[in-house]
Amino acid sequence: MKIAFAGFGEVNTPVEVIKRKCRKAYEDLVSEGADVFPYFPIRDDYEETDVNGAIDYFKNIEFDAMVLCVAGWIPTHAIMKVAEEFKHKPFVLWGLCGWYEDGHLVTTADQAGTSAARSALSAAGYNFKYVYDIVNKPSKVKEVISFCKAAEVMASLKKTKIGQMGYRDMQLYGTTFDCLSVKKCFGIEVECFEMLEVVQRAEKLDEKIVSETIKRISSWKFLKKPDENAVIKAAKYYLAIKQIVDERKYAAVSLKDVDGFKKLLGFPPAPIFTLLAEDGICTIPENDCMGNITQVIVNGLTKQIGAYLEFYEYFEDGVLAGVPDYIPKEITDGETAILPAAFGELSQGLLNISKVKEGELTMCRLSCINGRFTMHIVKGTGKTPETWEECGWDKPAPQLPGLKIELEDTPDFAEKVLGQHYIISYGDNVKCISQYCKMNGINVI
């Protein structure tokens, strides 16, 4: 992440003290892996030499967020004059603190400066977070970094493209999207491509490349011998879609599944998704654009692929979440396990039945409610579920990939649930996802 660091202190405070405190804050940010562009001290000199110097310096820098670091009392106008030039950026108002010397507290009145500036920034409509250090307590640098990380993701998504093969699989409602609303809120461009293009590209592929992909598929653990034609189709359709993804630089992709691949081509696309996910591409079936957007947000914030799970049962203490097609290698516990199987009237496909990793996780889902984007976020613990099956599969029915996700309050979750697909990431990521949403004007429940 790229951070502009503006360090402030009043002209009557010893300049070496202001420099020392700002330098320590700057070094703390660098130690957290940030690319930091510092300018300090910025004082309230009558000629505004420091203020103008800071503005000129930051104008020549590309950055994701600006840290307004207050190292001592400073009249608010000095902060506002610097910030005003970059009002379109997110800010952190970071107040440093005093220290103990010879048994007594020494302060430069940092929080006098931040207290005055906080209300002014709020009233002026700035997108900012207020952080203040406390004497003899660890620096709040991680809170600053967390906000700046969200700012970095917000900036990067403005250059992100998502690909959708088709639209509104099974005539679902919760998976749909409005291009302009998505563009306005996230900066993401959603593009649609046709299944016909995939078929046409698949027919023109070099057989050598197809053979290489078949070898890649053969490295999976097959629980029974697959149909050779199904393996060839998987390789060709994957390569055709991968060409489109690479050419158009899609960060995520969704395919028309039930009413597309399965109905029109007679081919369940589970192995296609498995291969794309192995390439690090965020994937979700059924034209779930809201799921794709959730994935790229989670991927940006956590660097995880943001796998999807869907709900099969609610329990008193949690939910049964699984998938009827595939899971990414990233969340697979052990080998990629494939079972040739058919569901209902659909033709036989290569079903990924790999085991899902256990652990603490965060589930989230984006939706648009009454014209406003809303993110539902909940923390849980994923455990290997009891033996279960989805009615309709070939006998003996496969054990689908899934987790029993234990929740603190299942009724509350059920009252707020926004769809059948939720995106999971491992660890407690509630705070960082919430931070991004708050910064971007997304309602969090």
Protein backbone atom coordinates (compact mmCIF):
# COMPACT_ATOMS: atom_id res chain seq x y z
CA MET A 1 0.00 0.00 0.00
CA LYS A 2 1.14 3.56 -0.67
CA ILE A 3 0.70 6.04 2.17
CA ALA A 4 1.24 9.79 2.18
CA PHE A 5 2.46 10.74 5.66
CA ALA A 6 1.89 14.33 6.77
CA GLY A 7 3.33 15.07 10.22
CA PHE A 8 2.04 18.16 12.07
CA GLY A 9 3.20 20.19 15.05
CA GLU A 10 2.81 23.78 16.23
CA VAL A 11 5.53 26.40 15.65
CA ASN A 12 6.06 26.95 19.40
CA THR A 13 6.73 23.26 20.12
CA PRO A 14 10.44 22.35 19.93
CA VAL A 15 10.92 21.27 16.33
CA GLU A 16 13.22 18.38 17.25
CA VAL A 17 10.47 16.89 19.41
CA ILE A 18 7.99 17.05 16.54
CA LYS A 19 10.53 15.51 14.16
CA ARG A 20 11.38 12.73 16.61
CA LYS A 21 7.77 11.76 17.15
CA CYS A 22 6.88 11.92 13.47
CA ARG A 23 9.95 9.93 12.49
CA LYS A 24 9.02 7.15 14.94
CA ALA A 25 5.45 6.98 13.57
CA TYR A 26 6.77 6.93 10.01
CA GLU A 27 9.19 4.10 10.82
CA ASP A 28 6.40 2.11 12.49
CA LEU A 29 4.35 2.31 9.28
CA VAL A 30 7.31 1.22 7.17
CA SER A 31 7.92 -1.73 9.52
CA GLU A 32 4.38 -2.94 8.74
CA GLY A 33 5.27 -3.24 5.05
CA ALA A 34 3.80 0.02 3.78
CA ASP A 35 5.38 2.22 1.10
CA VAL A 36 5.37 5.55 2.93
CA PHE A 37 6.03 9.04 1.52
CA PRO A 38 6.77 11.35 4.48
CA TYR A 39 6.68 15.12 4.82
CA PHE A 40 7.29 16.62 8.26
CA PRO A 41 7.29 18.79 10.21
CA ILE A 42 4.31 20.77 8.91
CA ARG A 43 3.84 23.78 11.21
CA ASP A 44 1.44 26.69 11.30
CA ASP A 45 4.03 29.29 10.29
CA TYR A 46 2.49 32.61 9.21
CA GLU A 47 3.89 32.39 5.68
CA GLU A 48 2.50 28.83 5.34
CA THR A 49 5.85 27.64 4.01
CA ASP A 50 5.45 24.15 5.50
CA VAL A 51 1.83 23.77 4.37
CA ASN A 52 2.60 24.79 0.78
CA GLY A 53 5.71 22.64 0.73
CA ALA A 54 3.70 19.60 1.82
CA ILE A 55 1.01 20.24 -0.80
CA ASP A 56 3.60 20.54 -3.58
CA TYR A 57 5.33 17.36 -2.41
CA PHE A 58 2.19 15.19 -2.20
CA LYS A 59 0.83 16.45 -5.54
CA ASN A 60 3.64 14.58 -7.28
CA ILE A 61 2.94 11.25 -5.55
CA GLU A 62 0.43 8.49 -6.22
CA PHE A 63 -0.93 7.18 -2.93
CA ASP A 64 -3.90 5.21 -1.58
CA ALA A 65 -4.44 7.06 1.70
CA MET A 66 -3.04 10.02 3.61
CA VAL A 67 -2.09 9.86 7.27
CA LEU A 68 -2.54 13.17 9.07
CA CYS A 69 -0.17 12.52 11.95
CA VAL A 70 -0.55 15.01 14.80
CA ALA A 71 2.57 15.07 16.97
CA GLY A 72 1.48 18.04 19.06
CA TRP A 73 -1.03 20.85 19.22
CA ILE A 74 -1.66 22.34 15.79
CA PRO A 75 -4.37 24.80 14.70
CA THR A 76 -6.85 22.92 12.53
CA HIS A 77 -6.46 25.23 9.54
CA ALA A 78 -2.98 23.84 8.84
CA ILE A 79 -4.33 20.28 8.67
CA MET A 80 -7.33 21.29 6.56
CA LYS A 81 -5.27 23.25 4.03
CA VAL A 82 -3.12 20.21 3.31
CA ALA A 83 -6.02 17.75 3.33
CA GLU A 84 -8.28 19.88 1.13
CA GLU A 85 -6.01 19.40 -1.86
CA PHE A 86 -6.57 15.62 -1.65
CA LYS A 87 -10.13 15.45 -0.36
CA HIS A 88 -11.01 12.63 -2.76
CA LYS A 89 -8.63 10.34 -0.85
CA PRO A 90 -9.25 8.44 2.41
CA PHE A 91 -7.49 9.81 5.52
CA VAL A 92 -6.32 8.65 8.92
CA LEU A 93 -6.24 11.30 11.62
CA TRP A 94 -3.59 9.83 13.91
CA GLY A 95 -2.83 11.53 17.20
CA LEU A 96 0.43 10.58 18.89
CA CYS A 97 0.88 10.93 22.64
CA GLY A 98 3.14 12.16 25.43
CA TRP A 99 5.76 10.29 27.41
CA TYR A 100 7.11 9.95 30.93
CA GLU A 101 10.36 11.65 31.84
CA ASP A 102 11.95 11.90 35.30
CA GLY A 103 8.84 10.40 36.84
CA HIS A 104 6.27 12.75 35.34
CA LEU A 105 4.19 13.05 32.17
CA VAL A 106 5.40 15.27 29.34
CA THR A 107 2.85 16.11 26.65
CA THR A 108 2.80 18.13 23.45
CA ALA A 109 -1.02 18.26 23.53
CA ASP A 110 -1.43 15.92 20.58
CA GLN A 111 -5.06 15.17 21.38
CA ALA A 112 -5.90 18.85 21.62
CA GLY A 113 -4.92 18.98 17.96
CA THR A 114 -6.83 15.83 16.97
CA SER A 115 -9.93 16.71 18.99
CA ALA A 116 -10.22 20.02 17.16
CA ALA A 117 -9.50 18.48 13.76
CA ARG A 118 -11.81 15.46 14.10
CA SER A 119 -15.04 17.44 14.16
CA ALA A 120 -13.87 19.72 11.34
CA LEU A 121 -12.99 16.76 9.08
CA SER A 122 -16.32 15.15 9.87
CA ALA A 123 -18.34 18.29 9.20
CA ALA A 124 -16.49 18.84 5.92
CA GLY A 125 -17.40 15.34 4.71
CA TYR A 126 -13.99 13.71 4.70
CA ASN A 127 -13.67 9.93 4.45
CA PHE A 128 -11.45 9.31 7.46
CA LYS A 129 -10.69 7.23 10.54
CA TYR A 130 -9.69 8.74 13.89
CA VAL A 131 -6.92 6.92 15.78
CA TYR A 132 -5.18 8.12 18.95
CA ASP A 133 -2.25 6.69 20.89
CA ILE A 134 -2.25 6.42 24.69
CA VAL A 135 0.72 7.11 26.95
CA ASN A 136 2.64 3.95 27.90
CA LYS A 137 0.49 1.81 25.61
CA PRO A 138 1.54 0.23 22.26
CA SER A 139 1.27 2.43 19.19
CA LYS A 140 -1.99 2.16 17.21
CA VAL A 141 -0.01 1.69 14.01
CA LYS A 142 -1.86 -1.55 13.16
CA GLU A 143 -5.18 0.31 13.18
CA VAL A 144 -3.69 2.89 10.83
CA ILE A 145 -2.39 0.14 8.56
CA SER A 146 -5.76 -1.64 8.58
CA PHE A 147 -7.50 1.48 7.31
CA CYS A 148 -4.82 2.13 4.69
CA LYS A 149 -5.10 -1.48 3.50
CA ALA A 150 -8.81 -0.96 2.93
CA ALA A 151 -7.97 2.23 1.05
CA GLU A 152 -5.52 0.30 -1.12
CA VAL A 153 -8.20 -2.27 -1.96
CA MET A 154 -10.72 0.47 -2.70
CA ALA A 155 -8.25 2.03 -5.15
CA SER A 156 -7.30 -1.27 -6.77
CA LEU A 157 -10.93 -2.30 -7.36
CA LYS A 158 -11.38 0.76 -9.56
CA LYS A 159 -9.14 -1.05 -12.05
CA THR A 160 -10.80 -4.45 -11.58
CA LYS A 161 -12.87 -6.33 -14.15
CA ILE A 162 -15.19 -9.27 -13.58
CA GLY A 163 -16.35 -11.61 -16.35
CA GLN A 164 -19.81 -13.19 -16.48
CA MET A 165 -20.63 -15.85 -19.06
CA GLY A 166 -24.34 -15.22 -19.53
CA TYR A 167 -26.69 -13.61 -17.06
CA ARG A 168 -29.14 -14.64 -14.34
CA ASP A 169 -28.75 -18.42 -14.33
CA MET A 170 -31.99 -20.18 -13.23
CA GLN A 171 -33.68 -16.74 -13.26
CA LEU A 172 -32.28 -16.11 -9.77
CA TYR A 173 -32.80 -12.72 -8.13
CA GLY A 174 -30.02 -12.35 -5.56
CA THR A 175 -27.22 -12.93 -8.05
CA THR A 176 -28.12 -10.05 -10.38
CA PHE A 177 -26.46 -6.66 -10.62
CA ASP A 178 -26.77 -3.17 -12.07
CA CYS A 179 -23.62 -2.18 -13.98
CA LEU A 180 -23.77 1.51 -13.17
CA SER A 181 -24.47 0.98 -9.46
CA VAL A 182 -21.53 -1.41 -9.22
CA LYS A 183 -19.30 1.00 -11.13
CA LYS A 184 -20.33 3.95 -8.96
CA CYS A 185 -19.84 2.19 -5.61
CA PHE A 186 -16.85 -0.06 -6.28
CA GLY A 187 -15.33 1.14 -9.54
CA ILE A 188 -15.56 -2.46 -10.81
CA GLU A 189 -16.35 -3.11 -14.46
CA VAL A 190 -18.59 -6.13 -15.03
CA GLU A 191 -18.42 -7.57 -18.54
CA CYS A 192 -20.54 -10.32 -20.07
CA PHE A 193 -19.37 -12.83 -22.65
CA GLU A 194 -21.32 -15.54 -24.47
CA MET A 195 -21.14 -19.31 -24.20
CA LEU A 196 -20.95 -19.40 -28.01
CA GLU A 197 -17.58 -17.65 -27.85
CA VAL A 198 -16.34 -20.31 -25.42
CA VAL A 199 -17.49 -23.12 -27.72
CA GLN A 200 -15.93 -21.49 -30.78
CA ARG A 201 -12.59 -20.98 -29.02
CA ALA A 202 -12.64 -24.56 -27.71
CA GLU A 203 -12.97 -25.90 -31.24
CA LYS A 204 -9.84 -24.04 -32.42
CA LEU A 205 -7.42 -24.98 -29.64
CA ASP A 206 -3.99 -26.42 -30.29
CA GLU A 207 -4.07 -30.13 -29.41
CA LYS A 208 -0.69 -29.90 -27.68
CA ILE A 209 -2.06 -27.35 -25.19
CA VAL A 210 -5.14 -29.52 -24.66
CA SER A 211 -2.92 -32.54 -23.94
CA GLU A 212 -0.95 -30.58 -21.35
CA THR A 213 -4.15 -29.63 -19.55
CA ILE A 214 -5.37 -33.24 -19.65
CA LYS A 215 -2.13 -34.22 -17.88
CA ARG A 216 -2.87 -31.58 -15.27
CA ILE A 217 -6.35 -33.03 -14.74
CA SER A 218 -4.86 -36.52 -14.52
CA SER A 219 -2.86 -35.45 -11.47
CA TRP A 220 -6.10 -35.24 -9.47
CA LYS A 221 -7.20 -38.21 -7.39
CA PHE A 222 -10.01 -39.94 -9.32
CA LEU A 223 -12.15 -42.25 -7.20
CA LYS A 224 -13.22 -44.12 -10.33
CA LYS A 225 -12.18 -44.00 -13.96
CA PRO A 226 -13.64 -40.93 -15.71
CA ASP A 227 -15.17 -40.78 -19.15
CA GLU A 228 -12.34 -39.78 -21.51
CA ASN A 229 -14.61 -37.44 -23.47
CA ALA A 230 -15.56 -35.59 -20.25
CA VAL A 231 -11.88 -34.99 -19.47
CA ILE A 232 -11.25 -33.64 -22.98
CA LYS A 233 -14.27 -31.32 -22.74
CA ALA A 234 -13.12 -30.07 -19.35
CA ALA A 235 -9.68 -29.24 -20.74
CA LYS A 236 -11.00 -27.48 -23.83
CA TYR A 237 -13.70 -25.43 -22.13
CA TYR A 238 -11.27 -24.43 -19.39
CA LEU A 239 -8.64 -23.31 -21.90
CA ALA A 240 -11.19 -21.32 -23.89
CA ILE A 241 -12.39 -19.49 -20.78
CA LYS A 242 -8.83 -19.00 -19.53
CA GLN A 243 -7.99 -17.30 -22.84
CA ILE A 244 -10.86 -14.87 -22.30
CA VAL A 245 -9.89 -14.27 -18.67
CA ASP A 246 -6.26 -13.58 -19.57
CA GLU A 247 -7.01 -11.37 -22.57
CA ARG A 248 -9.54 -9.24 -20.71
CA LYS A 249 -7.71 -9.36 -17.38
CA TYR A 250 -10.64 -10.60 -15.30
CA ALA A 251 -9.96 -10.91 -11.57
CA ALA A 252 -13.07 -13.06 -11.13
CA VAL A 253 -15.45 -15.03 -13.30
CA SER A 254 -18.85 -16.69 -13.07
CA LEU A 255 -20.50 -19.01 -15.57
CA LYS A 256 -24.07 -19.76 -16.50
CA ASP A 257 -24.17 -23.17 -14.92
CA VAL A 258 -27.54 -24.95 -14.76
CA ASP A 259 -29.23 -23.20 -17.72
CA GLY A 260 -25.98 -22.91 -19.64
CA PHE A 261 -23.25 -25.52 -19.48
CA LYS A 262 -25.45 -28.26 -18.03
CA LYS A 263 -28.60 -27.68 -20.07
CA LEU A 264 -27.18 -26.61 -23.44
CA LEU A 265 -23.82 -28.39 -23.54
CA GLY A 266 -24.64 -31.33 -21.30
CA PHE A 267 -21.49 -30.70 -19.29
CA PRO A 268 -21.38 -29.76 -15.58
CA PRO A 269 -18.58 -27.15 -15.27
CA ALA A 270 -17.11 -28.29 -11.93
CA PRO A 271 -13.67 -29.22 -13.39
CA ILE A 272 -13.53 -25.88 -15.24
CA PHE A 273 -14.01 -24.02 -11.97
CA THR A 274 -11.48 -26.28 -10.25
CA LEU A 275 -8.82 -25.46 -12.84
CA LEU A 276 -9.55 -21.72 -12.86
CA ALA A 277 -9.37 -21.64 -9.05
CA GLU A 278 -6.00 -23.42 -9.20
CA ASP A 279 -4.84 -20.46 -11.30
CA GLY A 280 -5.80 -18.10 -8.47
CA ILE A 281 -8.91 -16.73 -10.19
CA CYS A 282 -11.93 -16.00 -7.99
CA THR A 283 -14.78 -18.20 -9.23
CA ILE A 284 -18.42 -18.81 -8.38
CA PRO A 285 -21.20 -20.52 -10.36
CA GLU A 286 -24.66 -19.40 -11.52
CA ASN A 287 -23.87 -15.85 -12.71
CA ASP A 288 -23.49 -14.75 -9.10
CA CYS A 289 -22.10 -11.27 -9.66
CA MET A 290 -22.71 -10.21 -6.06
CA GLY A 291 -20.69 -13.25 -5.02
CA ASN A 292 -17.88 -12.32 -7.43
CA ILE A 293 -17.73 -8.78 -6.04
CA THR A 294 -17.63 -10.14 -2.50
CA GLN A 295 -14.78 -12.42 -3.56
CA VAL A 296 -12.58 -9.68 -5.03
CA ILE A 297 -13.10 -7.57 -1.89
CA VAL A 298 -12.13 -10.49 0.35
CA ASN A 299 -9.22 -11.39 -1.92
CA GLY A 300 -7.89 -7.83 -1.82
CA LEU A 301 -8.14 -7.57 1.95
CA THR A 302 -6.95 -11.06 2.94
CA LYS A 303 -5.04 -12.33 -0.13
CA GLN A 304 -7.22 -15.46 0.10
CA ILE A 305 -9.19 -16.72 -2.90
CA GLY A 306 -12.55 -16.22 -1.22
CA ALA A 307 -14.18 -19.60 -1.83
CA TYR A 308 -17.95 -19.92 -1.92
CA LEU A 309 -20.12 -22.26 0.13
CA GLU A 310 -23.90 -22.53 0.13
CA PHE A 311 -26.29 -23.53 2.87
CA TYR A 312 -28.06 -26.88 3.11
CA GLU A 313 -29.30 -26.99 6.72
CA TYR A 314 -29.61 -24.77 9.76
CA PHE A 315 -28.90 -26.19 13.21
CA GLU A 316 -29.31 -24.66 16.65
CA ASP A 317 -25.57 -24.01 16.86
CA GLY A 318 -24.70 -23.33 13.24
CA VAL A 319 -25.19 -24.23 9.58
CA LEU A 320 -24.29 -26.99 7.16
CA ALA A 321 -22.50 -25.29 4.26
CA GLY A 322 -21.29 -27.18 1.23
CA VAL A 323 -21.02 -27.15 -2.55
CA PRO A 324 -22.40 -29.47 -5.25
CA ASP A 325 -19.53 -28.95 -7.65
CA TYR A 326 -16.02 -27.89 -6.54
CA ILE A 327 -13.80 -26.18 -4.00
CA PRO A 328 -10.53 -24.33 -4.74
CA LYS A 329 -7.27 -26.10 -4.02
CA GLU A 330 -6.46 -23.32 -1.55
CA ILE A 331 -9.14 -24.52 0.91
CA THR A 332 -8.68 -28.24 0.20
CA ASP A 333 -7.47 -30.47 3.00
CA GLY A 334 -5.36 -33.03 1.16
CA GLU A 335 -5.59 -34.03 -2.49
CA THR A 336 -8.07 -32.79 -5.07
CA ALA A 337 -10.53 -35.69 -5.13
CA ILE A 338 -12.76 -36.20 -8.20
CA LEU A 339 -15.74 -38.51 -8.55
CA PRO A 340 -17.50 -39.01 -11.90
CA ALA A 341 -21.18 -38.72 -10.90
CA ALA A 342 -24.57 -37.51 -12.16
CA PHE A 343 -27.31 -35.54 -10.43
CA GLY A 344 -30.97 -36.01 -11.36
CA GLU A 345 -31.49 -35.71 -15.11
CA LEU A 346 -28.10 -34.06 -15.70
CA SER A 347 -25.36 -35.93 -17.51
CA GLN A 348 -22.40 -37.33 -15.63
CA GLY A 349 -19.78 -34.79 -14.62
CA LEU A 350 -16.46 -34.67 -12.79
CA LEU A 351 -17.58 -33.80 -9.28
CA ASN A 352 -14.92 -32.35 -6.95
CA ILE A 353 -15.51 -34.00 -3.57
CA SER A 354 -12.35 -32.82 -1.82
CA LYS A 355 -12.33 -32.30 1.93
CA VAL A 356 -12.61 -28.68 3.14
CA LYS A 357 -10.08 -27.33 5.64
CA GLU A 358 -11.35 -26.77 9.17
CA GLY A 359 -10.69 -23.68 11.27
CA GLU A 360 -11.83 -20.25 12.37
CA LEU A 361 -13.39 -18.44 9.44
CA THR A 362 -15.35 -15.40 8.36
CA MET A 363 -18.42 -15.62 6.12
CA CYS A 364 -19.71 -12.62 4.20
CA ARG A 365 -22.12 -11.74 1.42
CA LEU A 366 -22.86 -8.58 -0.52
CA SER A 367 -26.35 -7.65 -1.64
CA CYS A 368 -28.25 -4.58 -2.81
CA ILE A 369 -31.18 -3.76 -0.51
CA ASN A 370 -33.52 -0.92 -1.43
CA GLY A 371 -30.86 0.59 -3.65
CA ARG A 372 -28.05 0.42 -1.08
CA PHE A 373 -25.24 -2.12 -1.02
CA THR A 374 -25.17 -4.14 2.20
CA MET A 375 -22.57 -6.60 3.48
CA HIS A 376 -23.50 -9.32 5.96
CA ILE A 377 -20.45 -10.49 7.93
CA VAL A 378 -20.30 -13.23 10.56
CA LYS A 379 -17.51 -15.15 12.25
CA GLY A 380 -17.69 -18.91 12.79
CA THR A 381 -15.72 -22.10 13.24
CA GLY A 382 -15.68 -24.66 10.44
CA LYS A 383 -15.60 -28.34 11.41
CA THR A 384 -15.86 -31.53 9.41
CA PRO A 385 -19.59 -32.32 9.29
CA GLU A 386 -21.34 -35.59 9.98
CA THR A 387 -21.92 -37.93 7.06
CA TRP A 388 -24.52 -36.38 4.78
CA GLU A 389 -25.75 -36.47 1.20
CA GLU A 390 -27.78 -34.34 -1.18
CA CYS A 391 -30.77 -36.27 -2.41
CA GLY A 392 -30.68 -36.94 -6.17
CA TRP A 393 -27.09 -37.99 -6.80
CA ASP A 394 -26.12 -41.38 -8.24
CA LYS A 395 -26.03 -44.09 -5.61
CA PRO A 396 -23.96 -44.44 -3.58
CA ALA A 397 -24.38 -40.70 -3.10
CA PRO A 398 -21.13 -38.70 -2.79
CA GLN A 399 -20.06 -36.91 0.37
CA LEU A 400 -20.07 -33.33 -0.94
CA PRO A 401 -17.40 -30.85 0.18
CA GLY A 402 -18.70 -29.00 3.22
CA LEU A 403 -18.32 -27.75 6.75
CA LYS A 404 -20.46 -27.61 9.83
CA ILE A 405 -19.97 -23.93 10.63
CA GLU A 406 -20.62 -23.21 14.28
CA LEU A 407 -22.10 -19.76 14.96
CA GLU A 408 -22.69 -17.79 18.14
CA ASP A 409 -26.25 -16.88 17.15
CA THR A 410 -27.83 -18.94 14.36
CA PRO A 411 -31.30 -17.29 14.59
CA ASP A 412 -29.70 -13.85 14.17
CA PHE A 413 -27.73 -15.11 11.17
CA ALA A 414 -30.84 -16.62 9.59
CA GLU A 415 -32.76 -13.37 10.06
CA LYS A 416 -30.08 -11.44 8.18
CA VAL A 417 -28.99 -13.99 5.54
CA LEU A 418 -28.66 -12.40 2.09
CA GLY A 419 -28.53 -15.42 -0.20
CA GLN A 420 -27.57 -19.05 -0.62
CA HIS A 421 -23.92 -18.34 -1.53
CA TYR A 422 -21.53 -16.94 1.10
CA ILE A 423 -17.83 -16.22 0.69
CA ILE A 424 -15.47 -17.67 3.28
CA SER A 425 -12.01 -16.62 4.37
CA TYR A 426 -10.00 -18.20 7.14
CA GLY A 427 -9.31 -16.28 10.33
CA ASP A 428 -11.16 -13.39 11.94
CA ASN A 429 -11.51 -10.89 9.10
CA VAL A 430 -14.62 -9.12 10.38
CA LYS A 431 -12.78 -5.92 11.23
CA CYS A 432 -10.92 -5.48 7.95
CA ILE A 433 -13.99 -6.24 5.84
CA SER A 434 -16.09 -3.87 7.95
CA GLN A 435 -13.42 -1.19 7.60
CA TYR A 436 -13.54 -1.42 3.82
CA CYS A 437 -17.33 -1.29 3.81
CA LYS A 438 -17.47 1.74 6.07
CA MET A 439 -14.93 3.56 3.92
CA ASN A 440 -16.94 2.77 0.79
CA GLY A 441 -20.37 3.65 2.13
CA ILE A 442 -21.56 0.03 2.27
CA ASN A 443 -23.99 -0.84 5.05
CA VAL A 444 -22.77 -3.64 7.36
CA ILE A 445 -25.05 -6.05 9.20
